[in-house]
Protein backbone atom coordinates (compact mmCIF):
# COMPACT_ATOMS: atom_id res chain seq x y z
CA MET A 1 222.66 -198.14 -28.49
CA THR A 2 222.51 -200.67 -25.84
CA ALA A 3 219.41 -202.13 -24.40
CA GLY A 4 219.64 -200.59 -20.92
CA ALA A 5 220.99 -197.17 -21.76
CA ALA A 6 218.94 -194.11 -20.83
CA VAL A 7 218.10 -191.80 -23.65
CA ASP A 8 217.95 -188.07 -22.96
CA ARG A 9 214.83 -186.68 -24.58
CA THR A 10 213.62 -183.16 -24.09
CA VAL A 11 209.84 -182.92 -23.94
CA ARG A 12 208.20 -179.64 -24.81
CA GLY A 13 204.91 -178.48 -23.33
CA GLY A 14 203.09 -178.38 -26.64
CA CYS A 15 203.48 -176.78 -30.01
CA GLY A 16 203.93 -173.10 -30.50
CA ARG A 17 206.31 -170.45 -29.38
CA PRO A 18 208.56 -171.03 -26.40
CA GLY A 19 207.41 -169.25 -23.28
CA ARG A 20 203.76 -169.22 -24.34
CA ARG A 21 201.43 -171.31 -22.26
CA ALA A 22 199.15 -173.72 -24.00
CA THR A 23 195.53 -172.65 -23.63
CA SER A 24 192.94 -175.19 -22.84
CA GLY A 25 189.27 -174.63 -23.34
CA LEU A 26 186.96 -173.50 -26.05
CA ARG A 27 188.31 -171.24 -28.76
CA LEU A 28 185.65 -169.51 -30.83
CA THR A 29 186.04 -168.42 -34.41
CA ARG A 30 185.22 -164.87 -35.45
CA ARG A 31 181.89 -166.04 -36.86
CA ALA A 32 181.00 -167.80 -33.61
CA ARG A 33 181.87 -164.71 -31.55
CA ARG A 34 179.67 -162.55 -33.77
CA LEU A 35 176.83 -165.05 -33.60
CA SER A 36 177.03 -165.19 -29.80
CA ALA A 37 176.99 -161.38 -29.61
CA VAL A 38 173.91 -161.22 -31.88
CA LEU A 39 172.16 -163.90 -29.86
CA ALA A 40 172.94 -162.13 -26.59
CA LEU A 41 171.61 -158.87 -28.02
CA GLY A 42 168.46 -160.63 -29.22
CA VAL A 43 167.86 -162.16 -25.81
CA GLY A 44 168.36 -158.74 -24.21
CA VAL A 45 165.83 -157.11 -26.53
CA ALA A 46 163.33 -159.90 -25.93
CA LEU A 47 163.69 -159.62 -22.17
CA GLY A 48 163.45 -155.84 -22.33
CA SER A 49 160.25 -155.94 -24.35
CA TRP A 50 158.79 -158.49 -21.97
CA LEU A 51 159.89 -156.81 -18.72
CA GLY A 52 159.48 -153.19 -19.88
CA PRO A 53 155.71 -152.98 -19.45
CA LEU A 54 155.98 -154.65 -16.04
CA VAL A 55 158.47 -152.04 -14.82
CA THR A 56 156.80 -148.95 -16.29
CA GLY A 57 153.28 -149.88 -15.28
CA GLY A 58 152.11 -151.32 -18.56
CA PRO A 59 149.76 -149.93 -21.14
CA GLY A 60 147.24 -148.91 -18.47
CA ASP A 61 148.52 -145.32 -18.68
CA LEU A 62 147.42 -144.89 -22.28
CA GLN A 63 144.22 -142.99 -22.92
CA LEU A 64 143.59 -143.21 -26.62
CA VAL A 65 139.91 -143.96 -26.97
CA GLY A 66 137.69 -140.97 -27.65
CA GLU A 67 140.33 -138.32 -27.09
CA SER A 68 142.47 -136.40 -29.50
CA THR A 69 145.89 -135.13 -28.57
CA VAL A 70 148.45 -132.81 -30.05
CA VAL A 71 152.19 -132.64 -29.46
CA VAL A 72 153.41 -129.11 -28.81
CA GLN A 73 155.95 -127.90 -31.38
CA ALA A 74 158.49 -125.11 -30.93
CA GLY A 75 156.69 -121.76 -31.11
CA ASP A 76 153.25 -123.18 -30.26
CA THR A 77 151.12 -121.59 -27.58
CA VAL A 78 147.85 -122.71 -26.06
CA TRP A 79 146.18 -119.88 -27.96
CA SER A 80 147.58 -120.97 -31.34
CA ILE A 81 146.59 -124.58 -30.71
CA ALA A 82 143.11 -123.51 -29.59
CA ALA A 83 142.73 -121.35 -32.69
CA GLU A 84 143.41 -124.40 -34.89
CA VAL A 85 141.04 -126.61 -32.90
CA ALA A 86 138.20 -124.13 -32.54
CA GLY A 87 135.47 -124.31 -35.10
CA PRO A 88 134.32 -121.27 -37.05
CA GLU A 89 131.57 -120.53 -34.55
CA GLN A 90 133.54 -121.29 -31.35
CA ASP A 91 135.19 -118.67 -29.21
CA VAL A 92 138.97 -119.29 -29.02
CA ARG A 93 139.00 -118.14 -25.37
CA ALA A 94 136.58 -120.90 -24.39
CA VAL A 95 138.75 -123.50 -26.15
CA VAL A 96 141.86 -122.15 -24.36
CA ASP A 97 140.04 -122.51 -21.02
CA ALA A 98 138.94 -126.05 -21.93
CA ILE A 99 142.49 -127.10 -22.91
CA GLU A 100 143.91 -125.65 -19.68
CA ALA A 101 141.27 -127.42 -17.58
CA LEU A 102 141.62 -130.74 -19.41
CA ASN A 103 145.43 -130.78 -19.05
CA ASP A 104 145.60 -129.28 -15.52
CA LEU A 105 147.65 -126.30 -16.70
CA ASP A 106 148.05 -123.49 -14.18
CA ARG A 107 149.03 -120.99 -16.82
CA ALA A 108 148.96 -121.14 -20.58
CA VAL A 109 152.62 -122.22 -20.65
CA VAL A 110 153.52 -125.28 -22.70
CA VAL A 111 156.88 -126.75 -23.71
CA PRO A 112 157.86 -128.41 -27.00
CA GLY A 113 157.25 -132.16 -26.90
CA GLN A 114 154.44 -131.89 -24.39
CA ALA A 115 151.28 -133.81 -25.30
CA LEU A 116 148.04 -131.92 -24.78
CA ARG A 117 144.62 -133.48 -24.70
CA LEU A 118 142.11 -131.58 -26.76
CA PRO A 119 138.40 -131.05 -26.03
């Protein structure tokens, strides 16, 4: 070769397959992607537990002191619940009336999952 001769060199745009563009930026490993997903989930749970009481009105709705409650199961009626609550010398009808008044029930109709306050 002579000192002033031009040399034809083909320059490729990076390593890899032809036609594929070289990606620039951060490439995460599988472990890093899993860790970021777990961290994002943890932050979401933390924010939800912090913001949840603010959105729903907080624990001011709870009335736990001095009251007993029962959750209505399938097949329960106000009468059957009152019969369990009533003492041996109490009239079941009076307990039914007290449960209806305490829970603002128009009729003695309850649904499973409903929480009833007991006298």
